[in-house]
């Protein structure tokens, strides 16, 4: 076999290896995406738990009702406590502003805003939809 033919085969093999590696990387990325995205959906988490516990249809219905009731009770508690939590945050901000320089306060607010963005940003002062953009 001459060098030209040998080089053509090497190029073909290299192209095939690159193709197979790309295909494998795509499959792995898709599996990781599905695992991450699927774990964030409450319905999928419930289905996974249901399978792990081997719940009957009747148990599924009752467990879903319990979770729904619990969710509503927790929302009510959050709504009731939100004004007090907001007031505590406002007081903390006032005290912090007395201690920090204007530059430090500005940096503190920026850092807090970025931290909220990374963890999904809850509402309330300083959070998305909150009355002020500078709460803790």
N, C-alpha and C. Protein backbone atom coordinates (compact mmCIF):
# COMPACT_ATOMS: atom_id res chain seq x y z
N UNK A 1 0.86 -1.18 0.00
CA UNK A 1 0.00 0.00 0.00
C UNK A 1 0.90 1.23 0.00
N UNK A 2 0.62 2.16 -0.92
CA UNK A 2 1.46 3.35 -0.99
C UNK A 2 1.02 4.39 0.04
N UNK A 3 1.83 5.43 0.21
CA UNK A 3 1.57 6.45 1.22
C UNK A 3 0.26 7.20 1.00
N UNK A 4 -0.10 7.47 -0.21
CA UNK A 4 -1.35 8.20 -0.50
C UNK A 4 -2.55 7.40 -0.03
N UNK A 5 -2.57 6.10 -0.33
CA UNK A 5 -3.68 5.25 0.09
C UNK A 5 -3.71 5.14 1.60
N UNK A 6 -2.55 5.00 2.22
CA UNK A 6 -2.46 4.91 3.67
C UNK A 6 -2.99 6.18 4.33
N UNK A 7 -2.63 7.34 3.79
CA UNK A 7 -3.10 8.62 4.32
C UNK A 7 -4.61 8.75 4.19
N UNK A 8 -5.18 8.29 3.07
CA UNK A 8 -6.64 8.35 2.88
C UNK A 8 -7.35 7.52 3.95
N UNK A 9 -6.83 6.34 4.25
CA UNK A 9 -7.44 5.49 5.28
C UNK A 9 -7.31 6.12 6.67
N UNK A 10 -6.18 6.74 6.93
CA UNK A 10 -6.00 7.40 8.22
C UNK A 10 -6.99 8.55 8.39
N UNK A 11 -7.21 9.29 7.31
CA UNK A 11 -8.18 10.39 7.35
C UNK A 11 -9.58 9.84 7.57
N UNK A 12 -9.92 8.76 6.89
CA UNK A 12 -11.25 8.15 7.06
C UNK A 12 -11.46 7.65 8.48
N UNK A 13 -10.46 6.97 9.03
CA UNK A 13 -10.56 6.46 10.39
C UNK A 13 -10.67 7.61 11.39
N UNK A 14 -9.88 8.65 11.19
CA UNK A 14 -9.94 9.81 12.08
C UNK A 14 -11.32 10.47 12.02
N UNK A 15 -11.88 10.60 10.83
CA UNK A 15 -13.22 11.19 10.68
C UNK A 15 -14.26 10.33 11.37
N UNK A 16 -14.14 9.02 11.26
CA UNK A 16 -15.10 8.11 11.89
C UNK A 16 -14.99 8.21 13.42
N UNK A 17 -13.76 8.27 13.93
CA UNK A 17 -13.56 8.39 15.38
C UNK A 17 -14.17 9.70 15.89
N UNK A 18 -13.94 10.78 15.17
CA UNK A 18 -14.51 12.08 15.57
C UNK A 18 -16.03 12.03 15.56
N UNK A 19 -16.59 11.39 14.53
CA UNK A 19 -18.04 11.25 14.44
C UNK A 19 -18.59 10.46 15.63
N UNK A 20 -17.98 9.33 15.93
CA UNK A 20 -18.45 8.48 17.03
C UNK A 20 -18.32 9.22 18.37
N UNK A 21 -17.21 9.90 18.59
CA UNK A 21 -17.03 10.66 19.83
C UNK A 21 -18.08 11.77 19.95
N UNK A 22 -18.35 12.46 18.87
CA UNK A 22 -19.38 13.51 18.89
C UNK A 22 -20.75 12.94 19.19
N UNK A 23 -21.06 11.80 18.59
CA UNK A 23 -22.34 11.14 18.83
C UNK A 23 -22.47 10.74 20.31
N UNK A 24 -21.40 10.14 20.85
CA UNK A 24 -21.42 9.73 22.26
C UNK A 24 -21.55 10.94 23.18
N UNK A 25 -20.84 12.01 22.88
CA UNK A 25 -20.93 13.23 23.70
C UNK A 25 -22.35 13.80 23.66
N UNK A 26 -22.97 13.76 22.49
CA UNK A 26 -24.35 14.25 22.37
C UNK A 26 -25.31 13.45 23.21
N UNK A 27 -25.17 12.13 23.20
CA UNK A 27 -26.05 11.27 24.00
C UNK A 27 -25.84 11.55 25.49
N UNK A 28 -24.60 11.65 25.91
CA UNK A 28 -24.32 11.94 27.32
C UNK A 28 -24.90 13.29 27.73
N UNK A 29 -24.72 14.30 26.89
CA UNK A 29 -25.24 15.63 27.20
C UNK A 29 -26.76 15.61 27.31
N UNK A 30 -27.41 14.88 26.42
CA UNK A 30 -28.87 14.78 26.45
C UNK A 30 -29.34 14.11 27.73
N UNK A 31 -28.66 13.05 28.15
CA UNK A 31 -29.03 12.38 29.40
C UNK A 31 -28.85 13.28 30.60
N UNK A 32 -27.76 14.02 30.63
CA UNK A 32 -27.53 14.95 31.74
C UNK A 32 -28.62 16.03 31.74
N UNK A 33 -28.94 16.56 30.57
CA UNK A 33 -29.98 17.59 30.48
C UNK A 33 -31.32 17.05 30.98
N UNK A 34 -31.67 15.86 30.54
CA UNK A 34 -32.95 15.28 30.98
C UNK A 34 -32.98 15.08 32.48
N UNK A 35 -31.86 14.63 33.05
CA UNK A 35 -31.80 14.40 34.48
C UNK A 35 -31.96 15.71 35.24
N UNK A 36 -31.25 16.74 34.78
CA UNK A 36 -31.30 18.04 35.46
C UNK A 36 -32.65 18.70 35.25
N UNK A 37 -33.12 18.76 34.03
CA UNK A 37 -34.40 19.43 33.74
C UNK A 37 -35.56 18.66 34.34
N UNK A 38 -35.52 17.35 34.28
CA UNK A 38 -36.61 16.53 34.80
C UNK A 38 -36.71 16.60 36.31
N UNK A 39 -35.59 16.74 36.99
CA UNK A 39 -35.60 16.77 38.45
C UNK A 39 -36.22 18.07 38.97
N UNK A 40 -36.31 19.09 38.12
CA UNK A 40 -36.85 20.36 38.55
C UNK A 40 -38.37 20.42 38.44
N UNK A 41 -38.96 19.48 37.76
CA UNK A 41 -40.40 19.51 37.60
C UNK A 41 -41.05 18.69 38.71
N UNK A 42 -41.93 19.32 39.49
CA UNK A 42 -42.56 18.62 40.61
C UNK A 42 -43.29 17.36 40.18
N UNK A 43 -43.93 17.38 39.04
CA UNK A 43 -44.67 16.22 38.57
C UNK A 43 -43.74 15.02 38.35
N UNK A 44 -42.58 15.28 37.75
CA UNK A 44 -41.61 14.21 37.52
C UNK A 44 -41.06 13.68 38.85
N UNK A 45 -40.80 14.59 39.78
CA UNK A 45 -40.29 14.16 41.08
C UNK A 45 -41.33 13.28 41.77
N UNK A 46 -42.60 13.65 41.67
CA UNK A 46 -43.65 12.85 42.28
C UNK A 46 -43.71 11.47 41.64
N UNK A 47 -43.62 11.43 40.32
CA UNK A 47 -43.67 10.14 39.63
C UNK A 47 -42.48 9.25 40.01
N UNK A 48 -41.31 9.85 40.14
CA UNK A 48 -40.13 9.08 40.56
C UNK A 48 -40.33 8.53 41.97
N UNK A 49 -40.83 9.37 42.87
CA UNK A 49 -41.08 8.92 44.24
C UNK A 49 -42.13 7.81 44.25
N UNK A 50 -43.17 7.99 43.45
CA UNK A 50 -44.25 7.02 43.38
C UNK A 50 -43.73 5.65 42.93
N UNK A 51 -42.85 5.66 41.94
CA UNK A 51 -42.27 4.39 41.47
C UNK A 51 -41.37 3.77 42.54
N UNK A 52 -40.55 4.60 43.18
CA UNK A 52 -39.65 4.07 44.21
C UNK A 52 -40.41 3.45 45.37
N UNK A 53 -41.53 4.07 45.75
CA UNK A 53 -42.33 3.58 46.86
C UNK A 53 -43.35 2.53 46.42
N UNK A 54 -43.48 2.37 45.11
CA UNK A 54 -44.43 1.40 44.55
C UNK A 54 -45.85 1.69 45.05
N UNK A 55 -46.27 2.96 44.89
CA UNK A 55 -47.60 3.37 45.36
C UNK A 55 -48.70 2.80 44.48
N UNK A 56 -49.80 2.45 45.10
CA UNK A 56 -50.99 2.05 44.34
C UNK A 56 -51.67 3.31 43.80
N UNK A 57 -52.62 3.14 42.91
CA UNK A 57 -53.34 4.29 42.36
C UNK A 57 -54.05 5.07 43.48
N UNK A 58 -54.65 4.33 44.42
CA UNK A 58 -55.34 4.97 45.54
C UNK A 58 -54.35 5.76 46.41
N UNK A 59 -53.19 5.16 46.67
CA UNK A 59 -52.18 5.85 47.47
C UNK A 59 -51.68 7.11 46.75
N UNK A 60 -51.49 7.01 45.44
CA UNK A 60 -51.03 8.18 44.66
C UNK A 60 -52.00 9.33 44.85
N UNK A 61 -53.28 9.04 44.70
CA UNK A 61 -54.30 10.08 44.83
C UNK A 61 -54.25 10.72 46.22
N UNK A 62 -54.17 9.89 47.25
CA UNK A 62 -54.15 10.41 48.62
C UNK A 62 -52.88 11.20 48.90
N UNK A 63 -51.74 10.71 48.43
CA UNK A 63 -50.47 11.40 48.65
C UNK A 63 -50.48 12.75 47.92
N UNK A 64 -51.01 12.77 46.69
CA UNK A 64 -51.09 14.04 45.95
C UNK A 64 -51.97 15.03 46.70
N UNK A 65 -53.07 14.55 47.27
CA UNK A 65 -53.95 15.43 48.04
C UNK A 65 -53.23 15.98 49.27
N UNK A 66 -52.49 15.13 49.95
CA UNK A 66 -51.73 15.56 51.14
C UNK A 66 -50.72 16.63 50.74
N UNK A 67 -49.97 16.38 49.66
CA UNK A 67 -48.99 17.35 49.20
C UNK A 67 -49.65 18.66 48.80
N UNK A 68 -50.80 18.57 48.13
CA UNK A 68 -51.52 19.78 47.72
C UNK A 68 -51.98 20.59 48.93
N UNK A 69 -52.55 19.90 49.93
CA UNK A 69 -52.99 20.58 51.15
C UNK A 69 -51.82 21.24 51.86
N UNK A 70 -50.72 20.51 51.93
CA UNK A 70 -49.52 21.03 52.61
C UNK A 70 -49.00 22.26 51.90
N UNK A 71 -48.97 22.21 50.57
CA UNK A 71 -48.52 23.36 49.78
C UNK A 71 -49.37 24.59 50.08
N UNK A 72 -50.67 24.41 50.12
CA UNK A 72 -51.56 25.54 50.40
C UNK A 72 -51.35 26.09 51.81
N UNK A 73 -51.17 25.21 52.79
CA UNK A 73 -50.94 25.66 54.16
C UNK A 73 -49.63 26.45 54.25
N UNK A 74 -48.59 25.96 53.58
CA UNK A 74 -47.31 26.66 53.60
C UNK A 74 -47.41 28.02 52.91
N UNK A 75 -48.15 28.10 51.82
CA UNK A 75 -48.35 29.39 51.15
C UNK A 75 -49.04 30.37 52.08
N UNK A 76 -50.04 29.88 52.80
CA UNK A 76 -50.77 30.76 53.73
C UNK A 76 -49.85 31.27 54.83
N UNK A 77 -49.01 30.40 55.37
CA UNK A 77 -48.07 30.82 56.41
C UNK A 77 -47.10 31.86 55.86
N UNK A 78 -46.62 31.63 54.64
CA UNK A 78 -45.69 32.61 54.03
C UNK A 78 -46.37 33.96 53.84
N UNK A 79 -47.62 33.94 53.36
CA UNK A 79 -48.34 35.20 53.17
C UNK A 79 -48.53 35.93 54.49
N UNK A 80 -48.85 35.16 55.54
CA UNK A 80 -49.06 35.78 56.86
C UNK A 80 -47.76 36.35 57.43
N UNK A 81 -46.67 35.65 57.23
CA UNK A 81 -45.40 36.08 57.84
C UNK A 81 -44.63 37.07 56.98
N UNK A 82 -45.00 37.22 55.72
CA UNK A 82 -44.24 38.08 54.82
C UNK A 82 -44.10 39.52 55.31
N UNK A 83 -45.16 40.17 55.80
CA UNK A 83 -44.98 41.55 56.28
C UNK A 83 -43.94 41.65 57.41
N UNK A 84 -43.96 40.71 58.33
CA UNK A 84 -43.01 40.74 59.44
C UNK A 84 -41.59 40.49 58.93
N UNK A 85 -41.44 39.55 58.02
CA UNK A 85 -40.13 39.26 57.44
C UNK A 85 -39.61 40.48 56.70
N UNK A 86 -40.46 41.13 55.93
CA UNK A 86 -40.06 42.33 55.20
C UNK A 86 -39.62 43.45 56.15
N UNK A 87 -40.34 43.60 57.26
CA UNK A 87 -39.96 44.62 58.24
C UNK A 87 -38.61 44.32 58.85
N UNK A 88 -38.36 43.07 59.18
CA UNK A 88 -37.06 42.68 59.73
C UNK A 88 -35.95 42.96 58.72
N UNK A 89 -36.21 42.68 57.47
CA UNK A 89 -35.22 42.96 56.42
C UNK A 89 -34.96 44.46 56.29
N UNK A 90 -36.02 45.25 56.34
CA UNK A 90 -35.86 46.71 56.24
C UNK A 90 -35.03 47.24 57.42
N UNK A 91 -35.30 46.70 58.61
CA UNK A 91 -34.53 47.12 59.78
C UNK A 91 -33.06 46.74 59.64
N UNK A 92 -32.81 45.54 59.12
CA UNK A 92 -31.43 45.11 58.90
C UNK A 92 -30.75 46.02 57.90
N UNK A 93 -31.45 46.39 56.83
CA UNK A 93 -30.88 47.29 55.84
C UNK A 93 -30.52 48.64 56.46
N UNK A 94 -31.40 49.16 57.27
CA UNK A 94 -31.15 50.45 57.92
C UNK A 94 -29.90 50.36 58.79
N UNK A 95 -29.80 49.30 59.57
CA UNK A 95 -28.64 49.12 60.44
C UNK A 95 -27.36 48.94 59.63
N UNK A 96 -27.44 48.18 58.54
CA UNK A 96 -26.26 47.97 57.69
C UNK A 96 -25.79 49.28 57.06
N UNK A 97 -26.74 50.09 56.62
CA UNK A 97 -26.38 51.37 56.00
C UNK A 97 -25.68 52.29 56.99
N UNK A 98 -25.98 52.15 58.27
CA UNK A 98 -25.30 52.96 59.28
C UNK A 98 -23.86 52.52 59.49
N UNK A 99 -23.55 51.27 59.18
CA UNK A 99 -22.22 50.70 59.42
C UNK A 99 -21.35 50.77 58.16
N UNK A 100 -21.96 50.50 57.00
CA UNK A 100 -21.19 50.42 55.76
C UNK A 100 -21.02 51.79 55.11
N UNK A 101 -19.95 51.95 54.38
CA UNK A 101 -19.77 53.16 53.58
C UNK A 101 -20.71 53.07 52.39
N UNK A 102 -20.99 54.19 51.72
CA UNK A 102 -21.87 54.13 50.54
C UNK A 102 -21.35 53.13 49.48
N UNK A 103 -20.03 53.08 49.30
CA UNK A 103 -19.47 52.14 48.32
C UNK A 103 -19.68 50.69 48.76
N UNK A 104 -19.48 50.44 50.06
CA UNK A 104 -19.68 49.09 50.58
C UNK A 104 -21.15 48.70 50.49
N UNK A 105 -22.05 49.62 50.79
CA UNK A 105 -23.48 49.36 50.71
C UNK A 105 -23.87 49.00 49.27
N UNK A 106 -23.36 49.77 48.33
CA UNK A 106 -23.65 49.51 46.92
C UNK A 106 -23.15 48.12 46.51
N UNK A 107 -21.92 47.78 46.93
CA UNK A 107 -21.36 46.47 46.61
C UNK A 107 -22.16 45.36 47.29
N UNK A 108 -22.58 45.59 48.53
CA UNK A 108 -23.39 44.62 49.26
C UNK A 108 -24.69 44.34 48.51
N UNK A 109 -25.36 45.41 48.07
CA UNK A 109 -26.60 45.24 47.33
C UNK A 109 -26.38 44.46 46.03
N UNK A 110 -25.31 44.79 45.34
CA UNK A 110 -24.99 44.11 44.08
C UNK A 110 -24.74 42.61 44.34
N UNK A 111 -23.94 42.31 45.35
CA UNK A 111 -23.64 40.91 45.68
C UNK A 111 -24.91 40.16 46.06
N UNK A 112 -25.75 40.80 46.85
CA UNK A 112 -26.99 40.16 47.29
C UNK A 112 -27.90 39.88 46.09
N UNK A 113 -27.98 40.82 45.18
CA UNK A 113 -28.80 40.65 43.99
C UNK A 113 -28.29 39.48 43.14
N UNK A 114 -26.98 39.39 42.98
CA UNK A 114 -26.40 38.29 42.20
C UNK A 114 -26.65 36.95 42.88
N UNK A 115 -26.53 36.92 44.21
CA UNK A 115 -26.75 35.68 44.94
C UNK A 115 -28.20 35.22 44.77
N UNK A 116 -29.13 36.15 44.82
CA UNK A 116 -30.54 35.80 44.62
C UNK A 116 -30.78 35.25 43.23
N UNK A 117 -30.12 35.83 42.25
CA UNK A 117 -30.28 35.35 40.88
C UNK A 117 -29.80 33.92 40.73
N UNK A 118 -28.72 33.56 41.41
CA UNK A 118 -28.18 32.20 41.32
C UNK A 118 -29.09 31.18 41.97
N UNK A 119 -29.79 31.55 43.03
CA UNK A 119 -30.63 30.57 43.72
C UNK A 119 -32.10 30.67 43.34
N UNK A 120 -32.40 31.39 42.29
CA UNK A 120 -33.77 31.44 41.81
C UNK A 120 -34.52 32.66 42.22
N UNK A 121 -33.96 33.51 43.03
CA UNK A 121 -34.53 34.80 43.39
C UNK A 121 -35.93 34.73 43.93
N UNK A 122 -36.06 34.64 45.22
CA UNK A 122 -37.38 34.66 45.84
C UNK A 122 -37.87 36.08 45.93
N UNK A 123 -39.17 36.24 46.10
CA UNK A 123 -39.76 37.56 46.22
C UNK A 123 -39.43 38.21 47.54
N UNK A 124 -40.02 39.33 47.80
CA UNK A 124 -39.74 40.05 49.02
C UNK A 124 -38.81 41.20 48.73
N UNK A 125 -38.48 42.00 49.73
CA UNK A 125 -37.60 43.13 49.48
C UNK A 125 -36.27 42.64 48.93
N UNK A 126 -35.87 43.23 47.86
CA UNK A 126 -34.62 42.86 47.28
C UNK A 126 -34.73 41.73 46.30
N UNK A 127 -35.78 40.94 46.38
CA UNK A 127 -35.98 39.84 45.43
C UNK A 127 -36.84 40.34 44.29
N UNK A 128 -36.94 39.56 43.23
CA UNK A 128 -37.79 39.96 42.11
C UNK A 128 -39.22 40.17 42.58
N UNK A 129 -39.78 41.26 42.21
CA UNK A 129 -41.15 41.56 42.58
C UNK A 129 -41.31 42.14 43.97
N UNK A 130 -40.20 42.33 44.67
CA UNK A 130 -40.27 42.86 46.03
C UNK A 130 -40.47 44.36 46.01
N UNK A 131 -40.87 44.94 47.13
CA UNK A 131 -41.13 46.38 47.17
C UNK A 131 -39.87 47.22 46.99
N UNK A 132 -38.71 46.71 47.38
CA UNK A 132 -37.47 47.44 47.23
C UNK A 132 -36.47 46.51 46.57
N UNK A 133 -35.52 47.06 45.87
CA UNK A 133 -34.53 46.25 45.21
C UNK A 133 -33.29 46.05 46.04
N UNK A 134 -33.38 46.29 47.37
CA UNK A 134 -32.15 46.22 48.16
C UNK A 134 -32.29 45.45 49.46
N UNK A 135 -33.29 44.58 49.59
CA UNK A 135 -33.47 43.81 50.83
C UNK A 135 -32.47 42.69 50.94
N UNK A 136 -32.26 42.11 52.17
CA UNK A 136 -31.28 41.04 52.33
C UNK A 136 -31.67 39.78 51.62
